[in-house]
Amino acid sequence: MRTLRDVWRWRRESAPAPWPAWIEDPPQPPPARVGPGRIAATFIGHASVLLQIGGRCLLLDPIWSERASPLPFAGPRRVRAPGQQLEDLPGCDLLLVSHNHYDHLDLPTLRRVRRGWAPPAVTGLGNARHLAKAGLHGARELDWWQHAEVAGLRITYVPAQHFSARTPWDRNRSLWGGFVIEAPDGGTAYFAGDSGWCPYFAQIGRRFPRIDLALLPIGAYAPRFFMRTQHMDPEEAVMAHRALGARRSIGMHFGTFAGLTDEPIEEPEERLARARSAQGIDAEEFVTLPFGATLEIAGG
């Protein structure tokens, strides 16, 4: 647990690397629906991903807002647009929200998702009340290792080393975690949400011995004394990839919101490349995608 004293030390000693005011990414073609037997992931930015598996479209921790904050005029701000327009997505059959931090549970975006598709939702214990504020009523709440059959998929909520809070008064009053998504065609994907390096990755790998695609955070790790328990660095993300036994992994949770972390904007991808080489992982086995781009693989 981090205390106010830790926060004060971070702010007092912090020397955050300067980020650009804005990055204009090249446009990517809107993703098309893929059928059963295929898995596709479209990287929207930060931890927001459109995942297609088992012929279904899932939105993971979607945030299209300008700021990851409860305030429209303060808090971490985008330095690049979402990689795809929400309205250009091929659908949303299921919404997954890993935990309640503002960069993962964004009410304005969830209201847009409800207006567009009104999908069923799955989240951790104590978070359905937040989704209800966006008009998404009846979200399934799961404890760690519990599962639900939703939208023709088996969704298991799995442990992560992190924390939760939306105000100074609700710290750890709701659960945080990741998701394993299993399709009837045999395809399996894992979305980590937020996590520090921990034994849970090996536990997940043992319980789910064939993970076709893992979505793993690689950014928001500096300063290390403050972030290490809650956010992996790229070297630890490669260790998590190996512990999971994932066939392929995609790095996320980087390069989007200024003010969340002190590392340079380009450093997570650079360190990921070095970590892959140092740990004997082929370049195509653990990649990052251009913002808005889609990776499609065989599933099952």
Protein backbone atom coordinates (compact mmCIF):
# COMPACT_ATOMS: atom_id res chain seq x y z
CA MET A 1 0.00 0.00 0.00
CA ARG A 2 1.17 3.51 -0.79
CA THR A 3 0.69 6.31 1.72
CA LEU A 4 0.35 10.07 1.37
CA ARG A 5 3.98 10.23 2.45
CA ASP A 6 4.92 8.10 -0.58
CA VAL A 7 2.89 10.37 -2.85
CA TRP A 8 4.64 13.41 -1.41
CA ARG A 9 8.05 11.78 -1.95
CA TRP A 10 7.14 11.03 -5.57
CA ARG A 11 6.05 14.59 -6.23
CA ARG A 12 9.01 16.06 -4.34
CA GLU A 13 11.67 13.91 -6.02
CA SER A 14 9.96 13.48 -9.37
CA ALA A 15 11.76 14.37 -12.58
CA PRO A 16 9.17 13.30 -15.17
CA ALA A 17 10.37 13.02 -18.74
CA PRO A 18 8.71 15.60 -20.99
CA TRP A 19 5.97 14.24 -23.22
CA PRO A 20 4.92 15.82 -26.52
CA ALA A 21 1.83 18.02 -26.39
CA TRP A 22 0.24 15.98 -29.18
CA ILE A 23 1.01 13.06 -31.49
CA GLU A 24 -0.83 12.59 -34.77
CA ASP A 25 -0.87 8.87 -35.48
CA PRO A 26 -1.40 7.64 -39.05
CA PRO A 27 -4.98 6.48 -39.58
CA GLN A 28 -5.70 2.76 -39.52
CA PRO A 29 -8.54 1.01 -41.35
CA PRO A 30 -11.56 0.30 -39.14
CA PRO A 31 -11.61 -3.30 -37.94
CA ALA A 32 -13.93 -5.74 -39.65
CA ARG A 33 -15.74 -8.49 -37.82
CA VAL A 34 -13.91 -11.80 -37.75
CA GLY A 35 -15.66 -15.13 -37.48
CA PRO A 36 -15.26 -18.15 -35.21
CA GLY A 37 -11.83 -19.75 -35.16
CA ARG A 38 -10.09 -16.35 -35.29
CA ILE A 39 -8.96 -13.90 -32.58
CA ALA A 40 -8.40 -10.22 -33.36
CA ALA A 41 -7.28 -7.38 -31.11
CA THR A 42 -7.54 -3.71 -32.09
CA PHE A 43 -5.42 -1.38 -29.94
CA ILE A 44 -7.42 1.75 -29.19
CA GLY A 45 -4.90 3.21 -26.73
CA HIS A 46 -3.82 2.83 -23.10
CA ALA A 47 -5.67 -0.32 -21.90
CA SER A 48 -8.62 0.06 -24.28
CA VAL A 49 -8.88 -2.82 -26.72
CA LEU A 50 -11.50 -4.21 -29.06
CA LEU A 51 -11.13 -7.97 -28.74
CA GLN A 52 -12.84 -10.32 -31.17
CA ILE A 53 -13.07 -13.96 -30.17
CA GLY A 54 -15.58 -16.70 -30.88
CA GLY A 55 -17.33 -14.45 -33.39
CA ARG A 56 -18.06 -11.87 -30.65
CA CYS A 57 -16.85 -8.28 -30.22
CA LEU A 58 -15.72 -7.28 -26.72
CA LEU A 59 -14.71 -3.86 -25.45
CA LEU A 60 -12.08 -3.98 -22.71
CA ASP A 61 -11.69 -1.02 -20.31
CA PRO A 62 -12.83 1.49 -22.95
CA ILE A 63 -11.91 5.15 -22.55
CA TRP A 64 -12.45 7.65 -25.36
CA SER A 65 -12.47 10.73 -23.08
CA GLU A 66 -9.86 13.46 -23.27
CA ARG A 67 -8.83 12.99 -19.63
CA ALA A 68 -8.52 9.99 -17.33
CA SER A 69 -10.06 11.95 -14.48
CA PRO A 70 -13.33 12.78 -12.72
CA LEU A 71 -12.77 16.39 -13.77
CA PRO A 72 -13.07 17.67 -17.35
CA PHE A 73 -10.43 20.38 -16.76
CA ALA A 74 -7.73 18.56 -14.74
CA GLY A 75 -5.99 15.22 -14.53
CA PRO A 76 -4.02 13.04 -16.97
CA ARG A 77 -4.69 14.24 -20.51
CA ARG A 78 -4.42 12.51 -23.88
CA VAL A 79 -1.47 13.19 -26.11
CA ARG A 80 -3.03 11.24 -29.00
CA ALA A 81 -6.53 10.46 -30.18
CA PRO A 82 -8.10 7.02 -29.72
CA GLY A 83 -6.85 4.76 -32.48
CA GLN A 84 -10.38 4.18 -33.80
CA GLN A 85 -13.62 6.11 -33.52
CA LEU A 86 -16.06 4.33 -31.25
CA GLU A 87 -18.76 4.51 -33.92
CA ASP A 88 -16.48 2.80 -36.48
CA LEU A 89 -16.18 -0.41 -34.46
CA PRO A 90 -18.01 -3.47 -35.80
CA GLY A 91 -20.07 -3.81 -32.62
CA CYS A 92 -19.90 -4.55 -28.92
CA ASP A 93 -21.47 -7.81 -27.78
CA LEU A 94 -19.89 -7.71 -24.32
CA LEU A 95 -18.21 -5.11 -22.09
CA LEU A 96 -15.46 -6.06 -19.61
CA VAL A 97 -14.23 -3.59 -16.96
CA SER A 98 -11.24 -4.74 -14.92
CA HIS A 99 -11.38 -2.23 -12.04
CA ASN A 100 -12.58 1.22 -11.10
CA HIS A 101 -9.63 3.55 -11.78
CA TYR A 102 -10.51 6.45 -14.06
CA ASP A 103 -8.18 5.31 -16.83
CA HIS A 104 -10.09 1.99 -16.97
CA LEU A 105 -13.66 2.83 -15.92
CA ASP A 106 -14.70 5.98 -17.79
CA LEU A 107 -18.36 6.90 -17.33
CA PRO A 108 -18.71 9.20 -20.39
CA THR A 109 -17.40 6.44 -22.64
CA LEU A 110 -19.59 3.81 -20.99
CA ARG A 111 -22.65 5.99 -21.64
CA ARG A 112 -21.71 6.08 -25.34
CA VAL A 113 -21.26 2.30 -25.36
CA ARG A 114 -24.71 1.86 -23.79
CA ARG A 115 -26.34 4.17 -26.33
CA GLY A 116 -24.64 2.37 -29.21
CA TRP A 117 -25.04 -1.26 -28.23
CA ALA A 118 -26.37 -1.70 -24.65
CA PRO A 119 -24.13 -4.77 -24.16
CA PRO A 120 -24.11 -7.05 -21.13
CA ALA A 121 -21.17 -6.31 -18.82
CA VAL A 122 -18.88 -8.23 -16.49
CA THR A 123 -16.70 -6.68 -13.80
CA GLY A 124 -15.23 -7.33 -10.35
CA LEU A 125 -17.05 -7.27 -7.02
CA GLY A 126 -18.31 -3.83 -6.05
CA ASN A 127 -18.06 -2.23 -9.49
CA ALA A 128 -21.55 -2.76 -10.92
CA ARG A 129 -22.79 0.35 -9.11
CA HIS A 130 -20.39 2.47 -11.15
CA LEU A 131 -21.54 0.93 -14.43
CA ALA A 132 -25.14 1.56 -13.39
CA LYS A 133 -24.34 5.30 -13.26
CA ALA A 134 -23.72 5.02 -17.00
CA GLY A 135 -27.04 3.23 -17.51
CA LEU A 136 -25.44 -0.21 -17.76
CA HIS A 137 -27.63 -2.01 -15.24
CA GLY A 138 -27.32 -5.63 -14.21
CA ALA A 139 -23.57 -6.04 -14.74
CA ARG A 140 -22.30 -9.41 -13.54
CA GLU A 141 -19.89 -9.04 -10.62
CA LEU A 142 -17.29 -11.78 -10.10
CA ASP A 143 -14.82 -12.66 -7.40
CA TRP A 144 -11.38 -13.95 -8.33
CA TRP A 145 -11.57 -17.32 -10.13
CA GLN A 146 -15.34 -17.10 -10.54
CA HIS A 147 -16.75 -17.41 -14.04
CA ALA A 148 -19.91 -16.54 -15.95
CA GLU A 149 -21.34 -17.58 -19.30
CA VAL A 150 -22.17 -14.35 -21.12
CA ALA A 151 -22.72 -13.61 -24.82
CA GLY A 152 -21.78 -17.17 -25.69
CA LEU A 153 -18.38 -16.92 -23.98
CA ARG A 154 -16.99 -18.19 -20.68
CA ILE A 155 -15.55 -15.24 -18.72
CA THR A 156 -13.32 -15.90 -15.69
CA TYR A 157 -12.23 -13.05 -13.43
CA VAL A 158 -8.63 -13.70 -12.40
CA PRO A 159 -6.31 -12.15 -9.78
CA ALA A 160 -4.05 -9.16 -10.27
CA GLN A 161 -1.71 -7.28 -7.93
CA HIS A 162 -3.18 -3.80 -7.91
CA PHE A 163 -5.72 -1.73 -5.93
CA SER A 164 -8.94 0.24 -6.43
CA ALA A 165 -10.20 3.75 -5.64
CA ARG A 166 -12.28 6.48 -7.24
CA THR A 167 -12.30 8.81 -4.23
CA PRO A 168 -10.13 9.26 -1.12
CA TRP A 169 -12.78 7.35 0.85
CA ASP A 170 -13.34 4.14 -1.11
CA ARG A 171 -9.85 2.67 -1.38
CA ASN A 172 -10.02 -1.11 -1.94
CA ARG A 173 -13.79 -1.21 -1.39
CA SER A 174 -14.18 -2.93 -4.76
CA LEU A 175 -12.17 -5.63 -6.51
CA TRP A 176 -9.58 -5.39 -9.28
CA GLY A 177 -8.47 -8.16 -11.60
CA GLY A 178 -8.13 -9.42 -15.15
CA PHE A 179 -10.18 -11.64 -17.44
CA VAL A 180 -9.70 -14.94 -19.22
CA ILE A 181 -12.10 -15.25 -22.15
CA GLU A 182 -12.81 -18.71 -23.56
CA ALA A 183 -14.76 -19.23 -26.78
CA PRO A 184 -16.69 -22.34 -27.83
CA ASP A 185 -14.31 -22.78 -30.77
CA GLY A 186 -11.44 -23.31 -28.32
CA GLY A 187 -9.84 -19.86 -28.53
CA THR A 188 -8.64 -18.32 -25.27
CA ALA A 189 -7.53 -14.76 -24.55
CA TYR A 190 -6.30 -13.07 -21.36
CA PHE A 191 -6.62 -9.39 -20.48
CA ALA A 192 -4.49 -8.40 -17.48
CA GLY A 193 -6.03 -4.99 -16.75
CA ASP A 194 -3.46 -3.50 -14.35
CA SER A 195 -1.00 -5.54 -12.31
CA GLY A 196 2.41 -5.56 -10.77
CA TRP A 197 4.67 -8.57 -11.29
CA CYS A 198 3.42 -11.34 -9.00
CA PRO A 199 2.84 -15.13 -8.71
CA TYR A 200 -0.68 -14.81 -10.14
CA PHE A 201 0.58 -15.02 -13.73
CA ALA A 202 1.96 -18.52 -13.18
CA GLN A 203 -1.27 -19.53 -11.41
CA ILE A 204 -3.34 -18.29 -14.36
CA GLY A 205 -1.05 -20.13 -16.77
CA ARG A 206 -1.51 -23.39 -14.86
CA ARG A 207 -5.30 -23.06 -14.79
CA PHE A 208 -5.49 -22.08 -18.45
CA PRO A 209 -2.75 -24.05 -20.18
CA ARG A 210 -3.48 -22.70 -23.68
CA ILE A 211 -3.71 -18.91 -23.86
CA ASP A 212 -3.72 -17.92 -27.51
CA LEU A 213 -3.40 -14.17 -26.90
CA ALA A 214 -2.45 -12.17 -23.79
CA LEU A 215 -2.89 -8.41 -23.42
CA LEU A 216 -0.27 -7.21 -20.95
CA PRO A 217 0.54 -3.75 -19.53
CA ILE A 218 4.07 -2.48 -20.22
CA GLY A 219 3.89 1.18 -19.10
CA ALA A 220 3.26 3.53 -16.16
CA TYR A 221 6.12 2.02 -14.14
CA ALA A 222 8.14 5.10 -13.09
CA PRO A 223 9.25 6.02 -10.49
CA ARG A 224 9.91 2.42 -9.62
CA PHE A 225 9.82 2.80 -5.82
CA PHE A 226 6.21 3.98 -6.13
CA MET A 227 4.89 1.94 -9.06
CA ARG A 228 6.53 -1.47 -8.77
CA THR A 229 3.83 -3.12 -6.65
CA GLN A 230 1.00 -2.05 -8.98
CA HIS A 231 2.47 -1.72 -12.51
CA MET A 232 4.91 -4.00 -14.33
CA ASP A 233 7.84 -2.65 -16.28
CA PRO A 234 8.57 -4.15 -19.73
CA GLU A 235 11.07 -6.68 -18.38
CA GLU A 236 8.45 -7.97 -15.93
CA ALA A 237 5.82 -8.01 -18.67
CA VAL A 238 8.01 -10.41 -20.67
CA MET A 239 8.38 -12.52 -17.52
CA ALA A 240 4.56 -12.52 -17.22
CA HIS A 241 4.25 -13.61 -20.86
CA ARG A 242 6.54 -16.54 -20.15
CA ALA A 243 4.82 -17.45 -16.87
CA LEU A 244 1.45 -17.49 -18.62
CA GLY A 245 2.75 -19.67 -21.45
CA ALA A 246 0.91 -17.40 -23.91
CA ARG A 247 1.33 -18.13 -27.62
CA ARG A 248 1.27 -14.42 -28.46
CA SER A 249 1.15 -11.24 -26.37
CA ILE A 250 0.39 -7.59 -27.10
CA GLY A 251 1.74 -4.76 -24.93
CA MET A 252 -0.69 -2.06 -23.78
CA HIS A 253 -1.09 0.63 -21.07
CA PHE A 254 1.51 3.03 -22.45
CA GLY A 255 1.97 6.20 -24.46
CA THR A 256 -1.52 7.70 -24.13
CA PHE A 257 -2.15 9.86 -21.05
CA ALA A 258 0.42 12.40 -19.86
CA GLY A 259 0.72 12.71 -16.09
CA LEU A 260 0.15 9.07 -15.16
CA THR A 261 3.83 8.20 -15.03
CA ASP A 262 7.35 9.64 -15.18
CA GLU A 263 8.94 7.50 -17.92
CA PRO A 264 9.55 8.90 -21.43
CA ILE A 265 6.71 8.19 -23.82
CA GLU A 266 8.81 6.02 -26.15
CA GLU A 267 10.64 4.07 -23.43
CA PRO A 268 8.17 1.18 -22.79
CA GLU A 269 8.38 -0.05 -26.39
CA GLU A 270 12.16 0.35 -26.48
CA ARG A 271 12.62 -1.57 -23.24
CA LEU A 272 10.19 -4.25 -24.39
CA ALA A 273 12.37 -4.91 -27.44
CA ARG A 274 15.48 -5.24 -25.25
CA ALA A 275 13.66 -7.44 -22.73
CA ARG A 276 12.46 -9.81 -25.44
CA SER A 277 16.00 -10.25 -26.69
CA ALA A 278 17.43 -10.70 -23.20
CA GLN A 279 14.83 -13.34 -22.30
CA GLY A 280 14.98 -15.23 -25.60
CA ILE A 281 11.52 -14.30 -26.89
CA ASP A 282 11.02 -13.88 -30.65
CA ALA A 283 10.00 -10.39 -31.73
CA GLU A 284 6.66 -11.52 -33.21
CA GLU A 285 5.76 -13.42 -30.03
CA PHE A 286 5.30 -10.26 -27.93
CA VAL A 287 4.52 -7.12 -29.91
CA THR A 288 3.05 -3.66 -29.65
CA LEU A 289 0.61 -2.39 -32.26
CA PRO A 290 0.34 1.02 -33.88
CA PHE A 291 -2.54 2.92 -32.30
CA GLY A 292 -5.71 1.79 -34.06
CA ALA A 293 -4.10 -1.25 -35.69
CA THR A 294 -5.44 -4.80 -35.51
CA LEU A 295 -3.63 -8.10 -35.02
CA GLU A 296 -5.51 -11.21 -36.15
CA ILE A 297 -4.44 -14.76 -35.33
CA ALA A 298 -5.91 -18.25 -35.40
CA GLY A 299 -7.69 -19.22 -32.21
CA GLY A 300 -8.30 -22.62 -30.74
